[in-house]
Amino acid sequence: MVGAFTQEHGLEQAEVWLELADGSRHTVSTITPDPGFGFFSFVPNRGEDEEPQRVIVPIGFVRSIEISAPDPERPFGFVVVE
């Protein structure tokens, strides 16, 4: 989905946002299907002073996914690895 979006719009990167059922919004660095069994995990983009983290959530907890061109004010975007 992200790869198709970047190709369609001639982008090297895309910005991916997840909105969760609790109303929180996260820009995403990576998404993986682990640990499975109805759950997946993502690594939110972080600032230089923030500790790294991985968030594991049930698939049904995702309210929306937004894919767009990266904001030039933010240094990170989602990169499709082939």
C-alpha atoms as a PDB file:
ATOM      1  CA  MET A   1       0.000   0.000   0.000  1.00  0.00           C
ATOM      2  CA  VAL A   2       2.758   2.484   0.964  1.00  0.00           C
ATOM      3  CA  GLY A   3       4.932   1.307  -1.935  1.00  0.00           C
ATOM      4  CA  ALA A   4       2.084   1.809  -4.410  1.00  0.00           C
ATOM      5  CA  PHE A   5       1.427   5.303  -3.030  1.00  0.00           C
ATOM      6  CA  THR A   6       5.073   6.373  -3.345  1.00  0.00           C
ATOM      7  CA  GLN A   7       5.344   5.022  -6.896  1.00  0.00           C
ATOM      8  CA  GLU A   8       2.050   6.582  -7.971  1.00  0.00           C
ATOM      9  CA  HIS A   9       3.164  10.011  -6.739  1.00  0.00           C
ATOM     10  CA  GLY A  10       6.876   9.753  -7.626  1.00  0.00           C
ATOM     11  CA  LEU A  11       8.023   9.962  -3.998  1.00  0.00           C
ATOM     12  CA  GLU A  12      11.070   8.410  -2.346  1.00  0.00           C
ATOM     13  CA  GLN A  13       9.326   8.367   1.039  1.00  0.00           C
ATOM     14  CA  ALA A  14       5.838   8.664   2.414  1.00  0.00           C
ATOM     15  CA  GLU A  15       4.597   9.796   5.783  1.00  0.00           C
ATOM     16  CA  VAL A  16       2.383   7.245   7.532  1.00  0.00           C
ATOM     17  CA  TRP A  17       0.110   8.142  10.451  1.00  0.00           C
ATOM     18  CA  LEU A  18      -1.805   5.690  12.619  1.00  0.00           C
ATOM     19  CA  GLU A  19      -4.751   6.837  14.674  1.00  0.00           C
ATOM     20  CA  LEU A  20      -5.626   4.429  17.455  1.00  0.00           C
ATOM     21  CA  ALA A  21      -8.977   3.878  19.136  1.00  0.00           C
ATOM     22  CA  ASP A  22      -7.851   5.882  22.182  1.00  0.00           C
ATOM     23  CA  GLY A  23      -7.488   8.946  19.908  1.00  0.00           C
ATOM     24  CA  SER A  24      -3.678   8.978  19.899  1.00  0.00           C
ATOM     25  CA  ARG A  25      -1.935   9.663  16.561  1.00  0.00           C
ATOM     26  CA  HIS A  26       1.529   8.391  15.696  1.00  0.00           C
ATOM     27  CA  THR A  27       3.854   8.967  12.754  1.00  0.00           C
ATOM     28  CA  VAL A  28       5.285   5.589  11.874  1.00  0.00           C
ATOM     29  CA  SER A  29       8.862   4.616  11.115  1.00  0.00           C
ATOM     30  CA  THR A  30       8.225   0.874  10.592  1.00  0.00           C
ATOM     31  CA  ILE A  31       5.358  -1.608  10.865  1.00  0.00           C
ATOM     32  CA  THR A  32       5.725  -5.367  11.316  1.00  0.00           C
ATOM     33  CA  PRO A  33       3.179  -8.204  11.575  1.00  0.00           C
ATOM     34  CA  ASP A  34       4.842  -9.402  14.799  1.00  0.00           C
ATOM     35  CA  PRO A  35       3.780 -10.794  17.216  1.00  0.00           C
ATOM     36  CA  GLY A  36       0.784 -11.977  15.166  1.00  0.00           C
ATOM     37  CA  PHE A  37      -2.352 -13.607  16.592  1.00  0.00           C
ATOM     38  CA  GLY A  38      -4.429 -10.445  15.999  1.00  0.00           C
ATOM     39  CA  PHE A  39      -1.629  -8.055  16.997  1.00  0.00           C
ATOM     40  CA  PHE A  40       0.987  -6.075  15.056  1.00  0.00           C
ATOM     41  CA  SER A  41       3.763  -3.733  16.115  1.00  0.00           C
ATOM     42  CA  PHE A  42       5.068  -0.383  14.961  1.00  0.00           C
ATOM     43  CA  VAL A  43       7.958   1.896  15.765  1.00  0.00           C
ATOM     44  CA  PRO A  44       6.873   5.532  16.027  1.00  0.00           C
ATOM     45  CA  ASN A  45       9.155   8.253  14.695  1.00  0.00           C
ATOM     46  CA  ARG A  46      10.970   9.897  17.549  1.00  0.00           C
ATOM     47  CA  GLY A  47      12.873  13.054  18.262  1.00  0.00           C
ATOM     48  CA  GLU A  48      16.590  13.123  18.958  1.00  0.00           C
ATOM     49  CA  ASP A  49      16.077  13.162  22.742  1.00  0.00           C
ATOM     50  CA  GLU A  50      13.391  10.448  22.863  1.00  0.00           C
ATOM     51  CA  GLU A  51      14.060   6.828  23.767  1.00  0.00           C
ATOM     52  CA  PRO A  52      13.369   4.220  21.067  1.00  0.00           C
ATOM     53  CA  GLN A  53      10.174   2.222  21.469  1.00  0.00           C
ATOM     54  CA  ARG A  54       8.036  -0.425  19.788  1.00  0.00           C
ATOM     55  CA  VAL A  55       4.271  -0.355  20.262  1.00  0.00           C
ATOM     56  CA  ILE A  56       2.263  -3.589  20.063  1.00  0.00           C
ATOM     57  CA  VAL A  57      -1.476  -3.190  19.478  1.00  0.00           C
ATOM     58  CA  PRO A  58      -4.434  -5.347  18.468  1.00  0.00           C
ATOM     59  CA  ILE A  59      -5.361  -4.854  14.815  1.00  0.00           C
ATOM     60  CA  GLY A  60      -8.894  -3.809  15.817  1.00  0.00           C
ATOM     61  CA  PHE A  61      -7.459  -0.904  17.859  1.00  0.00           C
ATOM     62  CA  VAL A  62      -6.520   0.997  14.670  1.00  0.00           C
ATOM     63  CA  ARG A  63      -9.069   3.693  13.836  1.00  0.00           C
ATOM     64  CA  SER A  64      -7.381   4.997  10.675  1.00  0.00           C
ATOM     65  CA  ILE A  65      -4.192   4.923   8.594  1.00  0.00           C
ATOM     66  CA  GLU A  66      -3.144   8.017   6.650  1.00  0.00           C
ATOM     67  CA  ILE A  67      -0.462   8.008   3.940  1.00  0.00           C
ATOM     68  CA  SER A  68       0.808  11.295   2.500  1.00  0.00           C
ATOM     69  CA  ALA A  69       3.858  13.033   1.098  1.00  0.00           C
ATOM     70  CA  PRO A  70       6.322  13.702   3.929  1.00  0.00           C
ATOM     71  CA  ASP A  71       6.194  17.037   5.695  1.00  0.00           C
ATOM     72  CA  PRO A  72       9.467  18.839   4.889  1.00  0.00           C
ATOM     73  CA  GLU A  73       9.536  20.164   8.475  1.00  0.00           C
ATOM     74  CA  ARG A  74       9.871  16.602   9.841  1.00  0.00           C
ATOM     75  CA  PRO A  75      13.056  14.673   9.038  1.00  0.00           C
ATOM     76  CA  PHE A  76      11.546  11.170   9.054  1.00  0.00           C
ATOM     77  CA  GLY A  77       9.290   9.321   6.649  1.00  0.00           C
ATOM     78  CA  PHE A  78       8.321   5.741   6.023  1.00  0.00           C
ATOM     79  CA  VAL A  79      10.709   4.088   3.559  1.00  0.00           C
ATOM     80  CA  VAL A  80       9.595   1.027   1.626  1.00  0.00           C
ATOM     81  CA  VAL A  81      12.206  -1.742   1.812  1.00  0.00           C
ATOM     82  CA  GLU A  82      12.165  -4.143  -1.103  1.00  0.00           C
END
